[in-house]
Amino acid sequence: MEKRMKKFLISLLLPALCLAARAQEGVVSYALPMTTLHFEVEAELESFFAGPYARYASKYLGVEARQADESGYRIVSVKLTPCIEADPVARFSYAIPKGESTPAFLQLSAQGLVAVSDGSFGRQNIWRFPAPAGADFSGRGLSENITSEATTLYRNVREQSAYGRVPVQQNMVVEKSAEDKARETAEMIFNLRRTRVQIVTGDTDATFSGEAMASAVAEIDRLEKEYLSLFVGYSEFQTQTMHFDVVPDPNAASQMYIAFRVSETEGLVSADNVSGIPVIVDLTPQQLPATPAATKSKQVIRYRIPAICNVRLLEGSKVLLQTRVPVYQLGVNAAFPAN
């Protein structure tokens, strides 16, 4: 008997349950479906570099500038995909009587009867952020680093009865202070703005039209942005994409789960990495009608009615995503006679 059972064992594959139209005595093995919530999350890392003249931005430009380098992460997109899998704890079998055909409804039950072949369906690994580069403001200055400064020296001169101090004017080359360079940069920014207005309004000796005017204005905009970054700094951005799965547990006291976490140093990390701030998925199943009465037949086919759940993804009090999805394992199990 055991050899005969093995010989006629029929496997069901997801999603199409294709059985022979006529089967000899054997066993159909199947499992009820369960839902996995798959999240594809994209985060953005901003690395900000403060400008060398940030402290003078308010004085010379009238704007407030960030004074220190800093970096931070923010979630820019979340995609939720409910995936159907076979529930490993809800497996059943159906014995096909000798001489009888396989019940036709088994060929229509992709939503209720699920069995999957063994296999690994791993996803691509996502690398973390590389080490951030340092700030680079080289080549963005507009004036020399040195200047000529007048100073008064004294030398001793021998007179008729004594030595006297005679002032001597002399120019010395000294390094410009940061504030001096900031002031010159601010003056250049305002000169660029005045020049742009003159070109656009035609208040200039040169004549600009068509592409020439557009090119001149674009170059002035580029220079202004470059010089302005010496005051207000600049940012570099990187993106990180990660995948996370949440499997709702029908026996859990609360349908709230940590989907993933956001770490200050690593960005998106798994739920068990306590270094990050948790992002919560909150499920609210809707009420289902009463389960159909159990059948007295010895041969039954079991199926599962999913619960429609309101799903919210929360980062603190901020709602990142809100939708409705069917979750099978939070629904109800039922059965009907095979004959």
C-alpha atoms as a PDB file:
ATOM      1  CA  MET A   1       0.000   0.000   0.000  1.00  0.00           C
ATOM      2  CA  GLU A   2       2.833   2.411   0.867  1.00  0.00           C
ATOM      3  CA  LYS A   3       4.495   1.823  -2.502  1.00  0.00           C
ATOM      4  CA  ARG A   4       1.191   2.468  -4.276  1.00  0.00           C
ATOM      5  CA  MET A   5       0.640   5.732  -2.323  1.00  0.00           C
ATOM      6  CA  LYS A   6       4.051   7.049  -3.289  1.00  0.00           C
ATOM      7  CA  LYS A   7       3.465   6.058  -6.887  1.00  0.00           C
ATOM      8  CA  PHE A   8       0.308   8.105  -7.263  1.00  0.00           C
ATOM      9  CA  LEU A   9       1.176  11.144  -5.096  1.00  0.00           C
ATOM     10  CA  ILE A  10       0.173  14.326  -6.925  1.00  0.00           C
ATOM     11  CA  SER A  11       1.975  17.650  -6.358  1.00  0.00           C
ATOM     12  CA  LEU A  12       0.185  20.999  -6.643  1.00  0.00           C
ATOM     13  CA  LEU A  13       2.132  24.064  -7.763  1.00  0.00           C
ATOM     14  CA  LEU A  14       1.435  27.798  -7.163  1.00  0.00           C
ATOM     15  CA  PRO A  15      -0.336  29.570  -8.734  1.00  0.00           C
ATOM     16  CA  ALA A  16      -1.940  27.133 -11.175  1.00  0.00           C
ATOM     17  CA  LEU A  17      -3.210  23.908  -9.636  1.00  0.00           C
ATOM     18  CA  CYS A  18      -3.171  21.599 -12.598  1.00  0.00           C
ATOM     19  CA  LEU A  19      -4.303  18.043 -11.871  1.00  0.00           C
ATOM     20  CA  ALA A  20      -4.924  15.171 -14.211  1.00  0.00           C
ATOM     21  CA  ALA A  21      -8.468  14.951 -15.526  1.00  0.00           C
ATOM     22  CA  ARG A  22      -8.595  11.334 -14.488  1.00  0.00           C
ATOM     23  CA  ALA A  23      -6.479  10.059 -11.597  1.00  0.00           C
ATOM     24  CA  GLN A  24      -6.084   6.634 -10.101  1.00  0.00           C
ATOM     25  CA  GLU A  25      -6.207   6.036  -6.391  1.00  0.00           C
ATOM     26  CA  GLY A  26      -3.760   8.411  -4.670  1.00  0.00           C
ATOM     27  CA  VAL A  27      -3.382  11.483  -2.438  1.00  0.00           C
ATOM     28  CA  VAL A  28      -3.471  15.168  -3.260  1.00  0.00           C
ATOM     29  CA  SER A  29      -1.365  17.250  -0.875  1.00  0.00           C
ATOM     30  CA  TYR A  30      -2.187  20.932  -0.480  1.00  0.00           C
ATOM     31  CA  ALA A  31      -1.691  23.862   1.886  1.00  0.00           C
ATOM     32  CA  LEU A  32      -3.789  26.883   2.736  1.00  0.00           C
ATOM     33  CA  PRO A  33      -2.494  30.286   1.655  1.00  0.00           C
ATOM     34  CA  MET A  34      -0.844  32.896   3.867  1.00  0.00           C
ATOM     35  CA  THR A  35       0.083  36.502   3.139  1.00  0.00           C
ATOM     36  CA  THR A  36       3.515  38.091   3.474  1.00  0.00           C
ATOM     37  CA  LEU A  37       3.760  41.881   3.349  1.00  0.00           C
ATOM     38  CA  HIS A  38       6.777  42.784   1.235  1.00  0.00           C
ATOM     39  CA  PHE A  39       8.129  46.342   1.566  1.00  0.00           C
ATOM     40  CA  GLU A  40      10.526  47.927  -0.909  1.00  0.00           C
ATOM     41  CA  VAL A  41      11.943  51.017   0.787  1.00  0.00           C
ATOM     42  CA  GLU A  42      14.146  53.742  -0.658  1.00  0.00           C
ATOM     43  CA  ALA A  43      15.999  56.136   1.628  1.00  0.00           C
ATOM     44  CA  GLU A  44      18.130  59.160   0.812  1.00  0.00           C
ATOM     45  CA  LEU A  45      21.316  60.134   2.608  1.00  0.00           C
ATOM     46  CA  GLU A  46      22.155  63.848   2.630  1.00  0.00           C
ATOM     47  CA  SER A  47      25.749  64.716   3.471  1.00  0.00           C
ATOM     48  CA  PHE A  48      25.946  68.480   4.094  1.00  0.00           C
ATOM     49  CA  PHE A  49      29.210  70.404   4.092  1.00  0.00           C
ATOM     50  CA  ALA A  50      29.183  73.849   5.686  1.00  0.00           C
ATOM     51  CA  GLY A  51      30.807  76.670   3.706  1.00  0.00           C
ATOM     52  CA  PRO A  52      34.096  78.199   4.934  1.00  0.00           C
ATOM     53  CA  TYR A  53      32.386  81.621   5.105  1.00  0.00           C
ATOM     54  CA  ALA A  54      29.219  80.407   6.823  1.00  0.00           C
ATOM     55  CA  ARG A  55      29.725  82.660   9.841  1.00  0.00           C
ATOM     56  CA  TYR A  56      29.671  85.737   7.577  1.00  0.00           C
ATOM     57  CA  ALA A  57      26.581  84.799   5.538  1.00  0.00           C
ATOM     58  CA  SER A  58      24.227  86.865   7.671  1.00  0.00           C
ATOM     59  CA  LYS A  59      26.550  89.870   7.764  1.00  0.00           C
ATOM     60  CA  TYR A  60      27.340  90.147   4.045  1.00  0.00           C
ATOM     61  CA  LEU A  61      24.405  88.376   2.340  1.00  0.00           C
ATOM     62  CA  GLY A  62      21.600  88.671   4.861  1.00  0.00           C
ATOM     63  CA  VAL A  63      20.918  84.911   4.868  1.00  0.00           C
ATOM     64  CA  GLU A  64      21.172  82.295   7.607  1.00  0.00           C
ATOM     65  CA  ALA A  65      23.551  79.437   6.842  1.00  0.00           C
ATOM     66  CA  ARG A  66      24.129  76.098   8.538  1.00  0.00           C
ATOM     67  CA  GLN A  67      27.356  76.340  10.467  1.00  0.00           C
ATOM     68  CA  ALA A  68      28.501  72.704  10.772  1.00  0.00           C
ATOM     69  CA  ASP A  69      28.825  69.593   8.627  1.00  0.00           C
ATOM     70  CA  GLU A  70      26.061  67.060   9.202  1.00  0.00           C
ATOM     71  CA  SER A  71      24.352  64.098   7.570  1.00  0.00           C
ATOM     72  CA  GLY A  72      20.907  62.548   7.830  1.00  0.00           C
ATOM     73  CA  TYR A  73      18.568  60.008   6.287  1.00  0.00           C
ATOM     74  CA  ARG A  74      15.001  60.314   5.114  1.00  0.00           C
ATOM     75  CA  ILE A  75      12.614  57.807   3.559  1.00  0.00           C
ATOM     76  CA  VAL A  76      11.654  58.931   0.054  1.00  0.00           C
ATOM     77  CA  SER A  77       9.466  56.029  -1.139  1.00  0.00           C
ATOM     78  CA  VAL A  78       7.776  52.862   0.124  1.00  0.00           C
ATOM     79  CA  LYS A  79       6.135  50.152  -2.008  1.00  0.00           C
ATOM     80  CA  LEU A  80       3.964  47.463  -0.433  1.00  0.00           C
ATOM     81  CA  THR A  81       3.354  44.166  -2.249  1.00  0.00           C
ATOM     82  CA  PRO A  82       1.210  41.467  -0.587  1.00  0.00           C
ATOM     83  CA  CYS A  83       2.682  38.090  -1.548  1.00  0.00           C
ATOM     84  CA  ILE A  84       0.833  34.783  -1.224  1.00  0.00           C
ATOM     85  CA  GLU A  85       2.732  31.775   0.086  1.00  0.00           C
ATOM     86  CA  ALA A  86       1.878  28.320   1.335  1.00  0.00           C
ATOM     87  CA  ASP A  87       1.195  28.212   5.071  1.00  0.00           C
ATOM     88  CA  PRO A  88       3.530  25.488   6.438  1.00  0.00           C
ATOM     89  CA  VAL A  89       1.327  24.868   9.481  1.00  0.00           C
ATOM     90  CA  ALA A  90      -1.873  24.463   7.455  1.00  0.00           C
ATOM     91  CA  ARG A  91      -1.168  21.424   5.281  1.00  0.00           C
ATOM     92  CA  PHE A  92      -3.851  18.887   4.409  1.00  0.00           C
ATOM     93  CA  SER A  93      -4.339  15.917   2.113  1.00  0.00           C
ATOM     94  CA  TYR A  94      -7.214  14.538   0.067  1.00  0.00           C
ATOM     95  CA  ALA A  95      -7.467  10.867  -0.791  1.00  0.00           C
ATOM     96  CA  ILE A  96      -8.775  10.232  -4.284  1.00  0.00           C
ATOM     97  CA  PRO A  97     -11.070   7.168  -4.291  1.00  0.00           C
ATOM     98  CA  LYS A  98     -10.195   4.406  -6.731  1.00  0.00           C
ATOM     99  CA  GLY A  99     -11.905   4.815 -10.045  1.00  0.00           C
ATOM    100  CA  GLU A 100     -13.014   8.387  -9.398  1.00  0.00           C
ATOM    101  CA  SER A 101     -11.731  11.479 -11.171  1.00  0.00           C
ATOM    102  CA  THR A 102     -10.051  14.353  -9.404  1.00  0.00           C
ATOM    103  CA  PRO A 103     -12.701  16.856  -8.254  1.00  0.00           C
ATOM    104  CA  ALA A 104     -12.976  19.657 -10.793  1.00  0.00           C
ATOM    105  CA  PHE A 105     -12.904  22.398  -8.154  1.00  0.00           C
ATOM    106  CA  LEU A 106      -9.302  21.538  -7.307  1.00  0.00           C
ATOM    107  CA  GLN A 107      -8.385  23.008 -10.689  1.00  0.00           C
ATOM    108  CA  LEU A 108     -10.001  26.365  -9.799  1.00  0.00           C
ATOM    109  CA  SER A 109      -8.618  26.912  -6.333  1.00  0.00           C
ATOM    110  CA  ALA A 110      -5.479  29.007  -6.775  1.00  0.00           C
ATOM    111  CA  GLN A 111      -6.725  31.293  -3.979  1.00  0.00           C
ATOM    112  CA  GLY A 112      -7.759  28.541  -1.600  1.00  0.00           C
ATOM    113  CA  LEU A 113      -5.527  25.532  -2.188  1.00  0.00           C
ATOM    114  CA  VAL A 114      -1.839  26.268  -2.427  1.00  0.00           C
ATOM    115  CA  ALA A 115       1.246  24.056  -2.515  1.00  0.00           C
ATOM    116  CA  VAL A 116       4.683  25.182  -3.653  1.00  0.00           C
ATOM    117  CA  SER A 117       7.763  23.358  -4.844  1.00  0.00           C
ATOM    118  CA  ASP A 118      10.894  23.621  -2.753  1.00  0.00           C
ATOM    119  CA  GLY A 119      13.340  26.278  -3.834  1.00  0.00           C
ATOM    120  CA  SER A 120      15.240  29.380  -2.837  1.00  0.00           C
ATOM    121  CA  PHE A 121      13.948  32.733  -4.023  1.00  0.00           C
ATOM    122  CA  GLY A 122      16.490  35.020  -2.380  1.00  0.00           C
ATOM    123  CA  ARG A 123      16.794  38.674  -3.345  1.00  0.00           C
ATOM    124  CA  GLN A 124      19.854  40.641  -4.290  1.00  0.00           C
ATOM    125  CA  ASN A 125      21.934  41.963  -1.412  1.00  0.00           C
ATOM    126  CA  ILE A 126      22.030  45.747  -1.041  1.00  0.00           C
ATOM    127  CA  TRP A 127      25.315  47.366  -0.081  1.00  0.00           C
ATOM    128  CA  ARG A 128      25.445  49.971   2.631  1.00  0.00           C
ATOM    129  CA  PHE A 129      26.561  53.529   1.987  1.00  0.00           C
ATOM    130  CA  PRO A 130      30.270  53.942   1.261  1.00  0.00           C
ATOM    131  CA  ALA A 131      32.323  56.179   3.521  1.00  0.00           C
ATOM    132  CA  PRO A 132      31.347  59.801   2.777  1.00  0.00           C
ATOM    133  CA  ALA A 133      33.964  62.032   1.166  1.00  0.00           C
ATOM    134  CA  GLY A 134      35.148  65.216   2.819  1.00  0.00           C
ATOM    135  CA  ALA A 135      34.055  68.673   1.765  1.00  0.00           C
ATOM    136  CA  ASP A 136      35.747  70.123  -1.292  1.00  0.00           C
ATOM    137  CA  PHE A 137      35.643  73.880  -1.805  1.00  0.00           C
ATOM    138  CA  SER A 138      38.840  74.001  -3.857  1.00  0.00           C
ATOM    139  CA  GLY A 139      38.625  76.120  -6.968  1.00  0.00           C
ATOM    140  CA  ARG A 140      35.553  78.018  -5.784  1.00  0.00           C
ATOM    141  CA  GLY A 141      37.352  81.160  -4.593  1.00  0.00           C
ATOM    142  CA  LEU A 142      37.373  84.323  -6.660  1.00  0.00           C
ATOM    143  CA  SER A 143      40.382  86.268  -5.372  1.00  0.00           C
ATOM    144  CA  GLU A 144      43.981  85.783  -4.337  1.00  0.00           C
ATOM    145  CA  ASN A 145      44.878  84.550  -0.895  1.00  0.00           C
ATOM    146  CA  ILE A 146      47.359  87.366  -0.215  1.00  0.00           C
ATOM    147  CA  THR A 147      47.169  91.156  -0.230  1.00  0.00           C
ATOM    148  CA  SER A 148      49.411  94.121   0.194  1.00  0.00           C
ATOM    149  CA  GLU A 149      49.198  95.874   3.512  1.00  0.00           C
ATOM    150  CA  ALA A 150      50.846  99.169   4.430  1.00  0.00           C
ATOM    151  CA  THR A 151      52.801  99.265   7.666  1.00  0.00           C
ATOM    152  CA  THR A 152      55.090 101.826   9.326  1.00  0.00           C
ATOM    153  CA  LEU A 153      58.582 100.834  10.387  1.00  0.00           C
ATOM    154  CA  TYR A 154      61.072 102.952  12.271  1.00  0.00           C
ATOM    155  CA  ARG A 155      64.809 103.180  11.787  1.00  0.00           C
ATOM    156  CA  ASN A 156      67.355 104.938  13.892  1.00  0.00           C
ATOM    157  CA  VAL A 157      69.049 107.980  12.292  1.00  0.00           C
ATOM    158  CA  ARG A 158      72.106 109.603  13.838  1.00  0.00           C
ATOM    159  CA  GLU A 159      71.736 113.321  14.222  1.00  0.00           C
ATOM    160  CA  GLN A 160      74.232 115.906  15.497  1.00  0.00           C
ATOM    161  CA  SER A 161      73.958 115.075  19.181  1.00  0.00           C
ATOM    162  CA  ALA A 162      71.787 111.914  19.384  1.00  0.00           C
ATOM    163  CA  TYR A 163      69.958 109.130  17.572  1.00  0.00           C
ATOM    164  CA  GLY A 164      66.368 109.734  16.458  1.00  0.00           C
ATOM    165  CA  ARG A 165      63.566 107.441  15.150  1.00  0.00           C
ATOM    166  CA  VAL A 166      62.477 108.211  11.586  1.00  0.00           C
ATOM    167  CA  PRO A 167      59.235 106.578  10.285  1.00  0.00           C
ATOM    168  CA  VAL A 168      59.609 104.614   7.036  1.00  0.00           C
ATOM    169  CA  GLN A 169      56.524 103.539   5.013  1.00  0.00           C
ATOM    170  CA  GLN A 170      56.784 100.009   3.658  1.00  0.00           C
ATOM    171  CA  ASN A 171      54.369  97.573   1.990  1.00  0.00           C
ATOM    172  CA  MET A 172      54.283  93.995   3.271  1.00  0.00           C
ATOM    173  CA  VAL A 173      52.632  90.930   1.757  1.00  0.00           C
ATOM    174  CA  VAL A 174      50.318  89.337   4.321  1.00  0.00           C
ATOM    175  CA  GLU A 175      47.606  86.638   4.193  1.00  0.00           C
ATOM    176  CA  LYS A 176      44.048  87.873   3.832  1.00  0.00           C
ATOM    177  CA  SER A 177      41.720  87.132   6.704  1.00  0.00           C
ATOM    178  CA  ALA A 178      38.707  84.868   6.210  1.00  0.00           C
ATOM    179  CA  GLU A 179      36.410  87.854   6.633  1.00  0.00           C
ATOM    180  CA  ASP A 180      38.228  89.825   3.944  1.00  0.00           C
ATOM    181  CA  LYS A 181      37.820  86.945   1.497  1.00  0.00           C
ATOM    182  CA  ALA A 182      34.175  86.542   2.506  1.00  0.00           C
ATOM    183  CA  ARG A 183      33.545  90.241   1.850  1.00  0.00           C
ATOM    184  CA  GLU A 184      35.139  90.055  -1.601  1.00  0.00           C
ATOM    185  CA  THR A 185      33.125  86.948  -2.447  1.00  0.00           C
ATOM    186  CA  ALA A 186      29.910  88.689  -1.384  1.00  0.00           C
ATOM    187  CA  GLU A 187      30.806  91.686  -3.560  1.00  0.00           C
ATOM    188  CA  MET A 188      31.330  89.392  -6.531  1.00  0.00           C
ATOM    189  CA  ILE A 189      27.924  87.748  -5.951  1.00  0.00           C
ATOM    190  CA  PHE A 190      26.185  91.124  -5.992  1.00  0.00           C
ATOM    191  CA  ASN A 191      28.164  92.169  -9.101  1.00  0.00           C
ATOM    192  CA  LEU A 192      26.995  88.996 -10.868  1.00  0.00           C
ATOM    193  CA  ARG A 193      23.386  89.728  -9.929  1.00  0.00           C
ATOM    194  CA  ARG A 194      23.643  93.297 -11.229  1.00  0.00           C
ATOM    195  CA  THR A 195      25.220  92.074 -14.466  1.00  0.00           C
ATOM    196  CA  ARG A 196      22.434  89.538 -14.962  1.00  0.00           C
ATOM    197  CA  VAL A 197      19.774  92.213 -14.575  1.00  0.00           C
ATOM    198  CA  GLN A 198      21.603  94.454 -17.034  1.00  0.00           C
ATOM    199  CA  ILE A 199      21.814  91.689 -19.640  1.00  0.00           C
ATOM    200  CA  VAL A 200      18.156  90.729 -19.282  1.00  0.00           C
ATOM    201  CA  THR A 201      16.927  94.331 -19.423  1.00  0.00           C
ATOM    202  CA  GLY A 202      19.354  95.359 -22.199  1.00  0.00           C
ATOM    203  CA  ASP A 203      21.046  97.954 -19.982  1.00  0.00           C
ATOM    204  CA  THR A 204      24.539  97.082 -21.198  1.00  0.00           C
ATOM    205  CA  ASP A 205      26.986  98.146 -23.911  1.00  0.00           C
ATOM    206  CA  ALA A 206      27.097  94.624 -25.322  1.00  0.00           C
ATOM    207  CA  THR A 207      24.147  93.199 -27.230  1.00  0.00           C
ATOM    208  CA  PHE A 208      22.777  89.797 -26.197  1.00  0.00           C
ATOM    209  CA  SER A 209      19.980  87.961 -27.916  1.00  0.00           C
ATOM    210  CA  GLY A 210      18.697  84.412 -28.383  1.00  0.00           C
ATOM    211  CA  GLU A 211      21.164  81.699 -27.461  1.00  0.00           C
ATOM    212  CA  ALA A 212      23.870  84.222 -26.555  1.00  0.00           C
ATOM    213  CA  MET A 213      21.681  85.743 -23.850  1.00  0.00           C
ATOM    214  CA  ALA A 214      20.669  82.323 -22.518  1.00  0.00           C
ATOM    215  CA  SER A 215      24.304  81.169 -22.390  1.00  0.00           C
ATOM    216  CA  ALA A 216      25.439  84.344 -20.631  1.00  0.00           C
ATOM    217  CA  VAL A 217      22.669  84.147 -18.025  1.00  0.00           C
ATOM    218  CA  ALA A 218      23.341  80.419 -17.473  1.00  0.00           C
ATOM    219  CA  GLU A 219      27.037  81.073 -16.867  1.00  0.00           C
ATOM    220  CA  ILE A 220      26.245  83.884 -14.422  1.00  0.00           C
ATOM    221  CA  ASP A 221      23.843  81.555 -12.593  1.00  0.00           C
ATOM    222  CA  ARG A 222      26.558  78.896 -12.361  1.00  0.00           C
ATOM    223  CA  LEU A 223      29.111  81.335 -10.977  1.00  0.00           C
ATOM    224  CA  GLU A 224      26.643  82.768  -8.478  1.00  0.00           C
ATOM    225  CA  LYS A 225      25.735  79.276  -7.232  1.00  0.00           C
ATOM    226  CA  GLU A 226      29.408  78.359  -6.912  1.00  0.00           C
ATOM    227  CA  TYR A 227      30.326  81.462  -4.934  1.00  0.00           C
ATOM    228  CA  LEU A 228      27.172  81.255  -2.850  1.00  0.00           C
ATOM    229  CA  SER A 229      28.107  77.728  -1.749  1.00  0.00           C
ATOM    230  CA  LEU A 230      31.110  79.214   0.060  1.00  0.00           C
ATOM    231  CA  PHE A 231      28.581  80.797   2.421  1.00  0.00           C
ATOM    232  CA  VAL A 232      25.631  78.400   2.521  1.00  0.00           C
ATOM    233  CA  GLY A 233      27.544  75.159   1.866  1.00  0.00           C
ATOM    234  CA  TYR A 234      26.400  72.313  -0.359  1.00  0.00           C
ATOM    235  CA  SER A 235      24.918  68.818  -0.068  1.00  0.00           C
ATOM    236  CA  GLU A 236      25.666  65.482  -1.682  1.00  0.00           C
ATOM    237  CA  PHE A 237      22.968  62.803  -1.925  1.00  0.00           C
ATOM    238  CA  GLN A 238      23.024  59.016  -2.092  1.00  0.00           C
ATOM    239  CA  THR A 239      20.159  56.546  -2.249  1.00  0.00           C
ATOM    240  CA  GLN A 240      19.703  53.183  -0.566  1.00  0.00           C
ATOM    241  CA  THR A 241      17.078  50.563  -1.465  1.00  0.00           C
ATOM    242  CA  MET A 242      16.234  47.692   0.877  1.00  0.00           C
ATOM    243  CA  HIS A 243      13.595  44.935   0.983  1.00  0.00           C
ATOM    244  CA  PHE A 244      11.780  43.817   4.134  1.00  0.00           C
ATOM    245  CA  ASP A 245       9.124  41.170   4.789  1.00  0.00           C
ATOM    246  CA  VAL A 246       6.502  41.080   7.530  1.00  0.00           C
ATOM    247  CA  VAL A 247       4.491  37.895   8.170  1.00  0.00           C
ATOM    248  CA  PRO A 248       1.379  38.647  10.281  1.00  0.00           C
ATOM    249  CA  ASP A 249       0.855  36.146  13.082  1.00  0.00           C
ATOM    250  CA  PRO A 250      -2.806  35.185  13.719  1.00  0.00           C
ATOM    251  CA  ASN A 251      -1.920  34.248  17.313  1.00  0.00           C
ATOM    252  CA  ALA A 252      -0.289  37.576  18.163  1.00  0.00           C
ATOM    253  CA  ALA A 253      -1.945  39.731  20.831  1.00  0.00           C
ATOM    254  CA  SER A 254      -1.485  42.851  18.689  1.00  0.00           C
ATOM    255  CA  GLN A 255      -1.246  43.237  14.930  1.00  0.00           C
ATOM    256  CA  MET A 256       1.541  45.803  15.140  1.00  0.00           C
ATOM    257  CA  TYR A 257       4.992  44.840  13.895  1.00  0.00           C
ATOM    258  CA  ILE A 258       8.357  46.507  13.409  1.00  0.00           C
ATOM    259  CA  ALA A 259       8.818  46.399   9.645  1.00  0.00           C
ATOM    260  CA  PHE A 260      12.371  47.834   9.675  1.00  0.00           C
ATOM    261  CA  ARG A 261      14.439  50.533  11.353  1.00  0.00           C
ATOM    262  CA  VAL A 262      16.245  53.705  10.294  1.00  0.00           C
ATOM    263  CA  SER A 263      19.731  54.077  11.744  1.00  0.00           C
ATOM    264  CA  GLU A 264      21.628  57.370  11.930  1.00  0.00           C
ATOM    265  CA  THR A 265      24.827  55.650  10.812  1.00  0.00           C
ATOM    266  CA  GLU A 266      23.625  52.833   8.514  1.00  0.00           C
ATOM    267  CA  GLY A 267      20.319  54.037   7.085  1.00  0.00           C
ATOM    268  CA  LEU A 268      17.747  51.291   6.542  1.00  0.00           C
ATOM    269  CA  VAL A 269      18.378  48.273   8.779  1.00  0.00           C
ATOM    270  CA  SER A 270      16.429  45.179   9.781  1.00  0.00           C
ATOM    271  CA  ALA A 271      13.846  45.104  12.555  1.00  0.00           C
ATOM    272  CA  ASP A 272      16.185  43.328  14.979  1.00  0.00           C
ATOM    273  CA  ASN A 273      18.883  46.020  14.717  1.00  0.00           C
ATOM    274  CA  VAL A 274      18.136  48.058  17.848  1.00  0.00           C
ATOM    275  CA  SER A 275      20.470  50.893  16.781  1.00  0.00           C
ATOM    276  CA  GLY A 276      17.754  52.293  14.513  1.00  0.00           C
ATOM    277  CA  ILE A 277      14.432  54.049  15.042  1.00  0.00           C
ATOM    278  CA  PRO A 278      11.568  51.589  14.425  1.00  0.00           C
ATOM    279  CA  VAL A 279       9.097  51.945  11.558  1.00  0.00           C
ATOM    280  CA  ILE A 280       5.818  50.256  12.553  1.00  0.00           C
ATOM    281  CA  VAL A 281       3.281  48.444  10.363  1.00  0.00           C
ATOM    282  CA  ASP A 282      -0.192  48.512  11.929  1.00  0.00           C
ATOM    283  CA  LEU A 283      -2.847  46.051  10.695  1.00  0.00           C
ATOM    284  CA  THR A 284      -6.550  46.453  11.461  1.00  0.00           C
ATOM    285  CA  PRO A 285      -8.535  43.418  10.204  1.00  0.00           C
ATOM    286  CA  GLN A 286     -12.162  43.968   9.304  1.00  0.00           C
ATOM    287  CA  GLN A 287     -14.831  41.826  10.914  1.00  0.00           C
ATOM    288  CA  LEU A 288     -15.689  38.648   8.984  1.00  0.00           C
ATOM    289  CA  PRO A 289     -19.040  36.851   8.932  1.00  0.00           C
ATOM    290  CA  ALA A 290     -19.490  33.693  10.963  1.00  0.00           C
ATOM    291  CA  THR A 291     -17.615  30.629   9.790  1.00  0.00           C
ATOM    292  CA  PRO A 292     -19.765  28.252   7.720  1.00  0.00           C
ATOM    293  CA  ALA A 293     -21.051  25.242   9.657  1.00  0.00           C
ATOM    294  CA  ALA A 294     -18.700  22.279   9.695  1.00  0.00           C
ATOM    295  CA  THR A 295     -19.605  19.466   7.372  1.00  0.00           C
ATOM    296  CA  LYS A 296     -20.088  15.905   8.632  1.00  0.00           C
ATOM    297  CA  SER A 297     -18.536  14.379   5.539  1.00  0.00           C
ATOM    298  CA  LYS A 298     -15.352  12.406   6.079  1.00  0.00           C
ATOM    299  CA  GLN A 299     -13.822  13.693   2.851  1.00  0.00           C
ATOM    300  CA  VAL A 300     -13.597  17.496   2.989  1.00  0.00           C
ATOM    301  CA  ILE A 301     -11.642  20.199   1.202  1.00  0.00           C
ATOM    302  CA  ARG A 302     -10.428  22.969   3.450  1.00  0.00           C
ATOM    303  CA  TYR A 303     -10.102  26.561   2.322  1.00  0.00           C
ATOM    304  CA  ARG A 304      -9.356  29.960   3.829  1.00  0.00           C
ATOM    305  CA  ILE A 305     -11.243  33.253   3.576  1.00  0.00           C
ATOM    306  CA  PRO A 306      -8.840  36.235   3.891  1.00  0.00           C
ATOM    307  CA  ALA A 307      -9.425  39.173   6.192  1.00  0.00           C
ATOM    308  CA  ILE A 308      -9.318  42.571   4.490  1.00  0.00           C
ATOM    309  CA  CYS A 309      -6.947  44.674   6.581  1.00  0.00           C
ATOM    310  CA  ASN A 310      -6.312  48.387   6.762  1.00  0.00           C
ATOM    311  CA  VAL A 311      -2.528  48.742   6.688  1.00  0.00           C
ATOM    312  CA  ARG A 312      -0.606  51.763   7.948  1.00  0.00           C
ATOM    313  CA  LEU A 313       3.159  52.235   7.954  1.00  0.00           C
ATOM    314  CA  LEU A 314       4.216  54.650  10.688  1.00  0.00           C
ATOM    315  CA  GLU A 315       7.479  56.486  11.300  1.00  0.00           C
ATOM    316  CA  GLY A 316       6.718  57.911  14.720  1.00  0.00           C
ATOM    317  CA  SER A 317       3.475  59.836  14.205  1.00  0.00           C
ATOM    318  CA  LYS A 318       4.099  60.272  10.469  1.00  0.00           C
ATOM    319  CA  VAL A 319       2.057  58.006   8.180  1.00  0.00           C
ATOM    320  CA  LEU A 320       4.287  56.800   5.324  1.00  0.00           C
ATOM    321  CA  LEU A 321       1.749  54.513   3.672  1.00  0.00           C
ATOM    322  CA  GLN A 322      -1.918  53.588   4.079  1.00  0.00           C
ATOM    323  CA  THR A 323      -3.817  50.998   2.045  1.00  0.00           C
ATOM    324  CA  ARG A 324      -6.014  47.862   2.203  1.00  0.00           C
ATOM    325  CA  VAL A 325      -4.786  44.324   1.538  1.00  0.00           C
ATOM    326  CA  PRO A 326      -6.203  40.817   2.057  1.00  0.00           C
ATOM    327  CA  VAL A 327      -4.329  38.805   4.696  1.00  0.00           C
ATOM    328  CA  TYR A 328      -5.237  35.126   4.566  1.00  0.00           C
ATOM    329  CA  GLN A 329      -3.915  33.910   7.910  1.00  0.00           C
ATOM    330  CA  LEU A 330      -5.949  36.562   9.754  1.00  0.00           C
ATOM    331  CA  GLY A 331      -9.137  35.315   8.089  1.00  0.00           C
ATOM    332  CA  VAL A 332     -11.183  32.184   8.809  1.00  0.00           C
ATOM    333  CA  ASN A 333     -10.764  28.539   7.825  1.00  0.00           C
ATOM    334  CA  ALA A 334     -13.684  26.581   6.462  1.00  0.00           C
ATOM    335  CA  ALA A 335     -14.414  23.272   4.693  1.00  0.00           C
ATOM    336  CA  PHE A 336     -16.878  21.741   2.264  1.00  0.00           C
ATOM    337  CA  PRO A 337     -17.501  18.105   1.324  1.00  0.00           C
ATOM    338  CA  ALA A 338     -15.390  16.740  -1.504  1.00  0.00           C
ATOM    339  CA  ASN A 339     -18.324  14.877  -3.021  1.00  0.00           C
END
